[in-house]
Amino acid sequence: MEENTPKQNQLNIELPEEIAEGLYSNLAIITHSNQEFVIDFIRIMPGIPKAKVKSRIVLSPQHAKRLLGALQENINKFESLHGPIKKEDGFEGIPLNFGGPVPKA
């Protein structure tokens, strides 16, 4: 049997170059219905009160729960290597100015 032949129950996943570059997001908004979870990934910029959704992922409730578990497992691994991830205290709402100066035209 050839080594390049995929084994049974093996999934061959392709990652196109433009997707491999990734998109930066500093805000995620999660909504759900009885059939699906929707995660919108957004990039907001300092001092700009308008932002666009950069990517939207739609998941079944079962896949959303698997994602939650996978994220928790990876966060635990990260923290075991690098220490606890610090959460900002008192964060409420969307930070439109990031604490810096507001740009003027």
N, C-alpha and C. Protein backbone atom coordinates (compact mmCIF):
# COMPACT_ATOMS: atom_id res chain seq x y z
N MET A 1 0.84 -1.19 0.00
CA MET A 1 0.00 0.00 0.00
C MET A 1 0.89 1.25 0.00
N GLU A 2 0.54 2.24 -0.77
CA GLU A 2 1.32 3.47 -0.87
C GLU A 2 1.19 4.32 0.38
N GLU A 3 2.26 5.04 0.74
CA GLU A 3 2.24 5.89 1.93
C GLU A 3 1.36 7.11 1.75
N ASN A 4 1.14 7.57 0.52
CA ASN A 4 0.34 8.76 0.26
C ASN A 4 -1.16 8.49 0.24
N THR A 5 -1.55 7.23 0.31
CA THR A 5 -2.97 6.89 0.31
C THR A 5 -3.55 7.18 1.68
N PRO A 6 -4.61 8.01 1.76
CA PRO A 6 -5.19 8.31 3.07
C PRO A 6 -5.75 7.05 3.72
N LYS A 7 -5.54 6.94 5.03
CA LYS A 7 -6.08 5.82 5.78
C LYS A 7 -7.58 6.01 5.94
N GLN A 8 -8.27 4.89 6.16
CA GLN A 8 -9.71 4.98 6.39
C GLN A 8 -9.94 5.80 7.67
N ASN A 9 -10.99 6.62 7.69
CA ASN A 9 -11.32 7.51 8.81
C ASN A 9 -10.33 8.65 8.97
N GLN A 10 -9.52 8.93 7.97
CA GLN A 10 -8.59 10.06 8.01
C GLN A 10 -9.15 11.16 7.12
N LEU A 11 -9.10 12.37 7.59
CA LEU A 11 -9.63 13.50 6.84
C LEU A 11 -8.49 14.32 6.28
N ASN A 12 -8.51 14.57 4.99
CA ASN A 12 -7.50 15.40 4.34
C ASN A 12 -8.03 16.82 4.29
N ILE A 13 -7.40 17.73 5.02
CA ILE A 13 -7.86 19.12 5.11
C ILE A 13 -6.90 20.01 4.34
N GLU A 14 -7.45 20.80 3.42
CA GLU A 14 -6.65 21.75 2.66
C GLU A 14 -6.81 23.14 3.27
N LEU A 15 -5.71 23.88 3.32
CA LEU A 15 -5.72 25.23 3.85
C LEU A 15 -5.22 26.18 2.77
N PRO A 16 -6.16 26.87 2.07
CA PRO A 16 -5.75 27.80 1.03
C PRO A 16 -4.87 28.92 1.60
N GLU A 17 -3.95 29.41 0.79
CA GLU A 17 -2.98 30.42 1.24
C GLU A 17 -3.66 31.67 1.80
N GLU A 18 -4.73 32.14 1.15
CA GLU A 18 -5.38 33.36 1.62
C GLU A 18 -6.07 33.16 2.97
N ILE A 19 -6.49 31.94 3.27
CA ILE A 19 -7.09 31.64 4.57
C ILE A 19 -5.99 31.42 5.61
N ALA A 20 -4.88 30.83 5.20
CA ALA A 20 -3.78 30.54 6.12
C ALA A 20 -3.20 31.80 6.75
N GLU A 21 -3.30 32.93 6.05
CA GLU A 21 -2.80 34.19 6.59
C GLU A 21 -3.58 34.61 7.83
N GLY A 22 -4.82 34.22 7.93
CA GLY A 22 -5.65 34.55 9.08
C GLY A 22 -6.14 35.99 9.06
N LEU A 23 -7.08 36.27 9.94
CA LEU A 23 -7.61 37.62 10.13
C LEU A 23 -7.51 37.96 11.60
N TYR A 24 -7.12 39.17 11.91
CA TYR A 24 -7.05 39.60 13.31
C TYR A 24 -8.42 40.08 13.75
N SER A 25 -8.83 39.65 14.94
CA SER A 25 -10.09 40.08 15.53
C SER A 25 -9.84 40.43 16.98
N ASN A 26 -10.41 41.54 17.44
CA ASN A 26 -10.30 41.89 18.85
C ASN A 26 -11.68 42.02 19.50
N LEU A 27 -12.69 41.50 18.83
CA LEU A 27 -14.03 41.47 19.39
C LEU A 27 -14.80 40.33 18.74
N ALA A 28 -15.51 39.57 19.55
CA ALA A 28 -16.38 38.53 19.02
C ALA A 28 -17.76 38.72 19.63
N ILE A 29 -18.76 38.64 18.79
CA ILE A 29 -20.15 38.74 19.25
C ILE A 29 -20.80 37.40 18.94
N ILE A 30 -21.39 36.79 19.98
CA ILE A 30 -21.99 35.47 19.83
C ILE A 30 -23.49 35.57 20.05
N THR A 31 -24.23 35.05 19.09
CA THR A 31 -25.69 34.97 19.21
C THR A 31 -26.10 33.53 18.92
N HIS A 32 -27.33 33.20 19.25
CA HIS A 32 -27.79 31.84 18.98
C HIS A 32 -29.30 31.80 18.79
N SER A 33 -29.72 30.75 18.10
CA SER A 33 -31.13 30.41 17.98
C SER A 33 -31.26 28.99 18.52
N ASN A 34 -32.41 28.38 18.35
CA ASN A 34 -32.54 27.00 18.83
C ASN A 34 -31.82 26.01 17.92
N GLN A 35 -31.35 26.44 16.76
CA GLN A 35 -30.70 25.54 15.81
C GLN A 35 -29.22 25.81 15.57
N GLU A 36 -28.76 27.02 15.93
CA GLU A 36 -27.38 27.35 15.59
C GLU A 36 -26.81 28.44 16.48
N PHE A 37 -25.48 28.46 16.54
CA PHE A 37 -24.73 29.53 17.18
C PHE A 37 -24.03 30.30 16.07
N VAL A 38 -24.02 31.62 16.19
CA VAL A 38 -23.35 32.47 15.21
C VAL A 38 -22.30 33.29 15.95
N ILE A 39 -21.05 33.18 15.47
CA ILE A 39 -19.96 33.95 16.05
C ILE A 39 -19.46 34.92 14.99
N ASP A 40 -19.60 36.21 15.27
CA ASP A 40 -19.09 37.25 14.38
C ASP A 40 -17.77 37.76 14.96
N PHE A 41 -16.72 37.72 14.14
CA PHE A 41 -15.41 38.22 14.53
C PHE A 41 -15.22 39.60 13.91
N ILE A 42 -14.87 40.56 14.76
CA ILE A 42 -14.82 41.96 14.36
C ILE A 42 -13.47 42.54 14.77
N ARG A 43 -12.98 43.48 13.96
CA ARG A 43 -11.77 44.22 14.33
C ARG A 43 -12.18 45.67 14.52
N ILE A 44 -12.00 46.16 15.75
CA ILE A 44 -12.30 47.56 16.01
C ILE A 44 -10.99 48.32 16.13
N MET A 45 -11.01 49.58 15.73
CA MET A 45 -9.80 50.40 15.73
C MET A 45 -9.99 51.56 16.70
N PRO A 46 -8.90 52.00 17.33
CA PRO A 46 -8.98 53.09 18.30
C PRO A 46 -9.61 54.35 17.71
N GLY A 47 -10.57 54.90 18.45
CA GLY A 47 -11.17 56.17 18.07
C GLY A 47 -12.13 56.11 16.90
N ILE A 48 -12.38 54.94 16.36
CA ILE A 48 -13.29 54.83 15.21
C ILE A 48 -14.54 54.09 15.68
N PRO A 49 -15.68 54.78 15.72
CA PRO A 49 -16.89 54.17 16.27
C PRO A 49 -17.62 53.23 15.32
N LYS A 50 -17.00 52.87 14.21
CA LYS A 50 -17.63 51.97 13.26
C LYS A 50 -16.67 50.81 12.97
N ALA A 51 -17.20 49.61 12.92
CA ALA A 51 -16.37 48.44 12.65
C ALA A 51 -17.15 47.47 11.77
N LYS A 52 -16.41 46.63 11.06
CA LYS A 52 -17.04 45.65 10.18
C LYS A 52 -16.78 44.25 10.68
N VAL A 53 -17.76 43.39 10.46
CA VAL A 53 -17.56 41.97 10.73
C VAL A 53 -16.57 41.46 9.70
N LYS A 54 -15.48 40.85 10.17
CA LYS A 54 -14.44 40.32 9.29
C LYS A 54 -14.68 38.87 8.93
N SER A 55 -15.37 38.14 9.80
CA SER A 55 -15.65 36.74 9.55
C SER A 55 -16.84 36.31 10.39
N ARG A 56 -17.66 35.43 9.85
CA ARG A 56 -18.81 34.89 10.58
C ARG A 56 -18.74 33.37 10.50
N ILE A 57 -18.87 32.74 11.65
CA ILE A 57 -18.87 31.28 11.74
C ILE A 57 -20.22 30.86 12.29
N VAL A 58 -20.87 29.92 11.62
CA VAL A 58 -22.16 29.39 12.05
C VAL A 58 -21.94 27.94 12.46
N LEU A 59 -22.37 27.60 13.69
CA LEU A 59 -22.14 26.27 14.24
C LEU A 59 -23.45 25.67 14.76
N SER A 60 -23.53 24.36 14.71
CA SER A 60 -24.63 23.68 15.39
C SER A 60 -24.36 23.77 16.89
N PRO A 61 -25.37 23.61 17.74
CA PRO A 61 -25.13 23.63 19.19
C PRO A 61 -24.10 22.58 19.62
N GLN A 62 -24.11 21.42 18.99
CA GLN A 62 -23.15 20.37 19.34
C GLN A 62 -21.72 20.80 19.00
N HIS A 63 -21.54 21.40 17.84
CA HIS A 63 -20.20 21.86 17.47
C HIS A 63 -19.77 23.06 18.32
N ALA A 64 -20.70 23.91 18.71
CA ALA A 64 -20.36 25.03 19.59
C ALA A 64 -19.83 24.50 20.92
N LYS A 65 -20.46 23.45 21.44
CA LYS A 65 -20.01 22.88 22.71
C LYS A 65 -18.63 22.22 22.55
N ARG A 66 -18.40 21.56 21.41
CA ARG A 66 -17.07 20.99 21.14
C ARG A 66 -16.01 22.10 21.05
N LEU A 67 -16.37 23.21 20.40
CA LEU A 67 -15.45 24.34 20.30
C LEU A 67 -15.11 24.88 21.69
N LEU A 68 -16.12 25.01 22.54
CA LEU A 68 -15.90 25.48 23.90
C LEU A 68 -14.91 24.56 24.62
N GLY A 69 -15.09 23.26 24.50
CA GLY A 69 -14.18 22.32 25.13
C GLY A 69 -12.77 22.40 24.58
N ALA A 70 -12.65 22.53 23.25
CA ALA A 70 -11.34 22.62 22.61
C ALA A 70 -10.63 23.91 23.02
N LEU A 71 -11.37 25.02 23.10
CA LEU A 71 -10.77 26.29 23.55
C LEU A 71 -10.30 26.18 24.99
N GLN A 72 -11.11 25.57 25.85
CA GLN A 72 -10.73 25.42 27.26
C GLN A 72 -9.49 24.56 27.40
N GLU A 73 -9.43 23.48 26.65
CA GLU A 73 -8.25 22.60 26.68
C GLU A 73 -6.99 23.35 26.24
N ASN A 74 -7.12 24.14 25.17
CA ASN A 74 -5.96 24.89 24.68
C ASN A 74 -5.57 26.03 25.60
N ILE A 75 -6.53 26.67 26.23
CA ILE A 75 -6.22 27.72 27.21
C ILE A 75 -5.49 27.11 28.40
N ASN A 76 -5.94 25.95 28.85
CA ASN A 76 -5.25 25.27 29.96
C ASN A 76 -3.81 24.94 29.60
N LYS A 77 -3.58 24.45 28.38
CA LYS A 77 -2.21 24.13 27.94
C LYS A 77 -1.36 25.40 27.87
N PHE A 78 -1.93 26.47 27.31
CA PHE A 78 -1.22 27.75 27.21
C PHE A 78 -0.82 28.25 28.59
N GLU A 79 -1.79 28.25 29.52
CA GLU A 79 -1.52 28.77 30.87
C GLU A 79 -0.53 27.90 31.62
N SER A 80 -0.49 26.61 31.34
CA SER A 80 0.49 25.75 32.02
C SER A 80 1.91 26.09 31.56
N LEU A 81 2.05 26.59 30.35
CA LEU A 81 3.36 26.98 29.82
C LEU A 81 3.73 28.43 30.13
N HIS A 82 2.74 29.32 30.08
CA HIS A 82 3.01 30.76 30.14
C HIS A 82 2.42 31.47 31.35
N GLY A 83 1.72 30.77 32.20
CA GLY A 83 1.08 31.39 33.35
C GLY A 83 -0.33 31.85 33.01
N PRO A 84 -1.07 32.27 34.02
CA PRO A 84 -2.47 32.65 33.83
C PRO A 84 -2.64 33.83 32.86
N ILE A 85 -3.66 33.75 32.06
CA ILE A 85 -4.03 34.86 31.18
C ILE A 85 -4.79 35.86 32.05
N LYS A 86 -4.33 37.10 32.04
CA LYS A 86 -4.95 38.13 32.87
C LYS A 86 -6.18 38.70 32.17
N LYS A 87 -7.26 38.80 32.92
CA LYS A 87 -8.47 39.44 32.41
C LYS A 87 -8.50 40.86 32.91
N GLU A 88 -8.98 41.77 32.07
CA GLU A 88 -9.10 43.16 32.48
C GLU A 88 -10.29 43.29 33.42
N ASP A 89 -10.07 43.85 34.60
CA ASP A 89 -11.16 44.07 35.55
C ASP A 89 -12.00 45.25 35.12
N GLY A 90 -13.29 45.14 35.33
CA GLY A 90 -14.19 46.26 35.07
C GLY A 90 -14.47 46.52 33.61
N PHE A 91 -14.11 45.59 32.72
CA PHE A 91 -14.38 45.81 31.30
C PHE A 91 -15.87 45.68 31.04
N GLU A 92 -16.45 46.72 30.51
CA GLU A 92 -17.86 46.70 30.13
C GLU A 92 -18.00 47.41 28.81
N GLY A 93 -18.78 46.85 27.93
CA GLY A 93 -19.03 47.48 26.65
C GLY A 93 -17.87 47.32 25.69
N ILE A 94 -17.90 48.04 24.62
CA ILE A 94 -16.88 47.97 23.58
C ILE A 94 -15.94 49.16 23.73
N PRO A 95 -14.64 48.91 23.90
CA PRO A 95 -13.70 50.02 24.06
C PRO A 95 -13.42 50.70 22.73
N LEU A 96 -14.01 51.85 22.51
CA LEU A 96 -13.86 52.52 21.22
C LEU A 96 -12.59 53.35 21.14
N ASN A 97 -11.99 53.70 22.27
CA ASN A 97 -10.78 54.51 22.19
C ASN A 97 -9.53 53.77 22.67
N PHE A 98 -9.65 52.56 23.16
CA PHE A 98 -8.53 51.74 23.61
C PHE A 98 -7.69 52.47 24.65
N GLY A 99 -8.22 53.51 25.26
CA GLY A 99 -7.46 54.24 26.27
C GLY A 99 -6.47 55.24 25.72
N GLY A 100 -6.40 55.37 24.41
CA GLY A 100 -5.44 56.30 23.80
C GLY A 100 -6.13 57.58 23.36
N PRO A 101 -5.39 58.45 22.70
CA PRO A 101 -5.97 59.70 22.24
C PRO A 101 -6.97 59.46 21.10
N VAL A 102 -7.98 60.29 21.06
CA VAL A 102 -8.98 60.19 20.00
C VAL A 102 -8.45 60.95 18.80
N PRO A 103 -8.41 60.31 17.61
CA PRO A 103 -7.88 61.01 16.44
C PRO A 103 -8.79 62.16 16.00
N LYS A 104 -8.15 63.19 15.45
CA LYS A 104 -8.90 64.36 14.96
C LYS A 104 -8.56 64.56 13.50
N ALA A 105 -9.57 64.95 12.73
CA ALA A 105 -9.33 65.18 11.30
C ALA A 105 -8.86 66.58 11.05
